[in-house]
Amino acid sequence: MQEAAAYILLVLGGNATPSAENVSAVITAAGAEPNDASIASLIGDLEGKSVDDLLASGMAVLKDIPMGGSGGGGGGGAADAGEAAAAEEVVEEEEEEEAGPAVDMFGGGDAGGGDY
């Protein structure tokens, strides 16, 4: 797979017909170990072929492959509603706790004012 990726990168970079040495250099530059047998096989398979044509024919094959997409996730609504109600109750309890009596942090006698 890395051989094909390197080949396509070279084509995208402007080299219409990359050589085995070009592909090997890209793989080495990426920090991987090139497999000379795989590279030679790839170059032989792609000889005289356009990458654009190969990609177009591959897309024609892919359009016939089912990819799922029927949805799902329709169930489980009741559990979610119960969890939301429980979470709402917790939030209300926290708000009630926070709304306690006012405290004068400056040491005055009443909560409304004091000497600053």
C-alpha atoms as a PDB file:
ATOM      1  CA  MET A   1       0.000   0.000   0.000  1.00  0.00           C
ATOM      2  CA  GLN A   2       2.835   2.408   0.753  1.00  0.00           C
ATOM      3  CA  GLU A   3       4.185   1.775  -2.728  1.00  0.00           C
ATOM      4  CA  ALA A   4       0.891   2.849  -4.341  1.00  0.00           C
ATOM      5  CA  ALA A   5       0.686   5.899  -2.082  1.00  0.00           C
ATOM      6  CA  ALA A   6       4.229   6.938  -2.972  1.00  0.00           C
ATOM      7  CA  TYR A   7       3.499   6.414  -6.680  1.00  0.00           C
ATOM      8  CA  ILE A   8       0.375   8.584  -6.512  1.00  0.00           C
ATOM      9  CA  LEU A   9       2.243  11.283  -4.570  1.00  0.00           C
ATOM     10  CA  LEU A  10       4.856  11.377  -7.315  1.00  0.00           C
ATOM     11  CA  VAL A  11       2.172  11.665 -10.001  1.00  0.00           C
ATOM     12  CA  LEU A  12       0.426  14.444  -8.083  1.00  0.00           C
ATOM     13  CA  GLY A  13       3.801  16.158  -7.767  1.00  0.00           C
ATOM     14  CA  GLY A  14       4.152  16.287 -11.555  1.00  0.00           C
ATOM     15  CA  ASN A  15       6.038  13.075 -12.395  1.00  0.00           C
ATOM     16  CA  ALA A  16       3.658  11.369 -14.858  1.00  0.00           C
ATOM     17  CA  THR A  17       5.659   8.120 -14.977  1.00  0.00           C
ATOM     18  CA  PRO A  18       7.563   7.535 -11.729  1.00  0.00           C
ATOM     19  CA  SER A  19      10.347   4.967 -11.762  1.00  0.00           C
ATOM     20  CA  ALA A  20      11.037   2.321  -9.150  1.00  0.00           C
ATOM     21  CA  GLU A  21      13.888   4.473  -7.864  1.00  0.00           C
ATOM     22  CA  ASN A  22      11.534   7.455  -7.471  1.00  0.00           C
ATOM     23  CA  VAL A  23       9.017   5.395  -5.503  1.00  0.00           C
ATOM     24  CA  SER A  24      11.773   3.916  -3.341  1.00  0.00           C
ATOM     25  CA  ALA A  25      13.152   7.400  -2.604  1.00  0.00           C
ATOM     26  CA  VAL A  26       9.730   8.653  -1.433  1.00  0.00           C
ATOM     27  CA  ILE A  27       9.252   5.659   0.856  1.00  0.00           C
ATOM     28  CA  THR A  28      12.747   6.093   2.299  1.00  0.00           C
ATOM     29  CA  ALA A  29      12.164   9.823   2.816  1.00  0.00           C
ATOM     30  CA  ALA A  30       9.019   8.974   4.770  1.00  0.00           C
ATOM     31  CA  GLY A  31      11.111   6.849   7.126  1.00  0.00           C
ATOM     32  CA  ALA A  32       9.927   3.442   5.934  1.00  0.00           C
ATOM     33  CA  GLU A  33      11.810   0.545   4.394  1.00  0.00           C
ATOM     34  CA  PRO A  34      11.027   0.135   0.670  1.00  0.00           C
ATOM     35  CA  ASN A  35      10.139  -3.340  -0.617  1.00  0.00           C
ATOM     36  CA  ASP A  36      11.852  -3.599  -4.002  1.00  0.00           C
ATOM     37  CA  ALA A  37       9.754  -6.574  -5.146  1.00  0.00           C
ATOM     38  CA  SER A  38       6.481  -4.765  -4.413  1.00  0.00           C
ATOM     39  CA  ILE A  39       7.717  -1.615  -6.106  1.00  0.00           C
ATOM     40  CA  ALA A  40       8.777  -3.534  -9.213  1.00  0.00           C
ATOM     41  CA  SER A  41       5.402  -5.279  -9.338  1.00  0.00           C
ATOM     42  CA  LEU A  42       3.555  -1.977  -9.017  1.00  0.00           C
ATOM     43  CA  ILE A  43       5.622  -0.290 -11.718  1.00  0.00           C
ATOM     44  CA  GLY A  44       5.006  -3.259 -14.032  1.00  0.00           C
ATOM     45  CA  ASP A  45       1.255  -3.228 -13.359  1.00  0.00           C
ATOM     46  CA  LEU A  46       0.951   0.506 -13.958  1.00  0.00           C
ATOM     47  CA  GLU A  47       3.153   0.675 -17.053  1.00  0.00           C
ATOM     48  CA  GLY A  48       1.317   2.488 -19.833  1.00  0.00           C
ATOM     49  CA  LYS A  49      -1.681   3.308 -17.622  1.00  0.00           C
ATOM     50  CA  SER A  50      -2.897   6.671 -16.384  1.00  0.00           C
ATOM     51  CA  VAL A  51      -3.457   7.049 -12.640  1.00  0.00           C
ATOM     52  CA  ASP A  52      -6.519   9.201 -13.386  1.00  0.00           C
ATOM     53  CA  ASP A  53      -8.036   6.418 -15.497  1.00  0.00           C
ATOM     54  CA  LEU A  54      -7.254   3.812 -12.839  1.00  0.00           C
ATOM     55  CA  LEU A  55      -8.881   5.909 -10.113  1.00  0.00           C
ATOM     56  CA  ALA A  56     -11.946   6.529 -12.282  1.00  0.00           C
ATOM     57  CA  SER A  57     -12.376   2.814 -12.990  1.00  0.00           C
ATOM     58  CA  GLY A  58     -11.928   2.065  -9.284  1.00  0.00           C
ATOM     59  CA  MET A  59     -14.669   4.544  -8.389  1.00  0.00           C
ATOM     60  CA  ALA A  60     -16.977   2.817 -10.884  1.00  0.00           C
ATOM     61  CA  VAL A  61     -16.430  -0.441  -9.006  1.00  0.00           C
ATOM     62  CA  LEU A  62     -16.877   1.166  -5.583  1.00  0.00           C
ATOM     63  CA  LYS A  63     -20.285   2.617  -6.436  1.00  0.00           C
ATOM     64  CA  ASP A  64     -21.726  -0.908  -6.554  1.00  0.00           C
ATOM     65  CA  ILE A  65     -20.459  -1.909  -3.107  1.00  0.00           C
ATOM     66  CA  PRO A  66     -23.078  -1.529  -0.360  1.00  0.00           C
ATOM     67  CA  MET A  67     -21.811   0.769   2.358  1.00  0.00           C
ATOM     68  CA  GLY A  68     -24.603   0.390   4.919  1.00  0.00           C
ATOM     69  CA  GLY A  69     -26.301   3.681   5.565  1.00  0.00           C
ATOM     70  CA  SER A  70     -29.676   2.295   6.594  1.00  0.00           C
ATOM     71  CA  GLY A  71     -29.569   4.404   9.700  1.00  0.00           C
ATOM     72  CA  GLY A  72     -30.189   2.762  12.996  1.00  0.00           C
ATOM     73  CA  GLY A  73     -30.093   4.375  16.355  1.00  0.00           C
ATOM     74  CA  GLY A  74     -33.884   4.608  16.460  1.00  0.00           C
ATOM     75  CA  GLY A  75     -34.208   2.788  19.764  1.00  0.00           C
ATOM     76  CA  GLY A  76     -33.182   3.851  23.199  1.00  0.00           C
ATOM     77  CA  GLY A  77     -35.224   7.043  23.364  1.00  0.00           C
ATOM     78  CA  ALA A  78     -36.959   6.133  26.585  1.00  0.00           C
ATOM     79  CA  ALA A  79     -33.703   5.595  28.426  1.00  0.00           C
ATOM     80  CA  ASP A  80     -32.398   8.917  27.215  1.00  0.00           C
ATOM     81  CA  ALA A  81     -35.519  10.720  28.420  1.00  0.00           C
ATOM     82  CA  GLY A  82     -35.197   9.123  31.861  1.00  0.00           C
ATOM     83  CA  GLU A  83     -31.567  10.107  32.116  1.00  0.00           C
ATOM     84  CA  ALA A  84     -32.391  13.678  31.063  1.00  0.00           C
ATOM     85  CA  ALA A  85     -35.085  13.946  33.754  1.00  0.00           C
ATOM     86  CA  ALA A  86     -32.693  12.637  36.406  1.00  0.00           C
ATOM     87  CA  ALA A  87     -30.017  15.087  35.312  1.00  0.00           C
ATOM     88  CA  GLU A  88     -32.542  17.932  35.447  1.00  0.00           C
ATOM     89  CA  GLU A  89     -33.472  17.018  39.034  1.00  0.00           C
ATOM     90  CA  VAL A  90     -29.815  17.068  40.065  1.00  0.00           C
ATOM     91  CA  VAL A  91     -29.351  20.512  38.528  1.00  0.00           C
ATOM     92  CA  GLU A  92     -32.410  21.851  40.381  1.00  0.00           C
ATOM     93  CA  GLU A  93     -31.095  20.503  43.702  1.00  0.00           C
ATOM     94  CA  GLU A  94     -27.719  22.158  43.142  1.00  0.00           C
ATOM     95  CA  GLU A  95     -29.388  25.487  42.364  1.00  0.00           C
ATOM     96  CA  GLU A  96     -31.411  25.307  45.583  1.00  0.00           C
ATOM     97  CA  GLU A  97     -28.252  24.689  47.600  1.00  0.00           C
ATOM     98  CA  GLU A  98     -26.514  27.669  46.012  1.00  0.00           C
ATOM     99  CA  ALA A  99     -29.417  30.004  46.788  1.00  0.00           C
ATOM    100  CA  GLY A 100     -28.845  29.878  50.551  1.00  0.00           C
ATOM    101  CA  PRO A 101     -28.758  32.951  52.825  1.00  0.00           C
ATOM    102  CA  ALA A 102     -26.463  35.832  51.924  1.00  0.00           C
ATOM    103  CA  VAL A 103     -23.240  35.984  53.862  1.00  0.00           C
ATOM    104  CA  ASP A 104     -21.451  39.231  54.640  1.00  0.00           C
ATOM    105  CA  MET A 105     -17.836  38.554  53.804  1.00  0.00           C
ATOM    106  CA  PHE A 106     -16.667  41.892  55.217  1.00  0.00           C
ATOM    107  CA  GLY A 107     -17.743  41.299  58.816  1.00  0.00           C
ATOM    108  CA  GLY A 108     -20.691  43.688  59.011  1.00  0.00           C
ATOM    109  CA  GLY A 109     -23.765  42.872  61.013  1.00  0.00           C
ATOM    110  CA  ASP A 110     -26.205  42.553  58.169  1.00  0.00           C
ATOM    111  CA  ALA A 111     -25.870  40.948  54.773  1.00  0.00           C
ATOM    112  CA  GLY A 112     -26.933  44.014  52.828  1.00  0.00           C
ATOM    113  CA  GLY A 113     -24.144  46.368  53.676  1.00  0.00           C
ATOM    114  CA  GLY A 114     -21.224  46.936  55.849  1.00  0.00           C
ATOM    115  CA  ASP A 115     -18.300  49.191  56.333  1.00  0.00           C
ATOM    116  CA  TYR A 116     -15.863  49.015  53.496  1.00  0.00           C
END
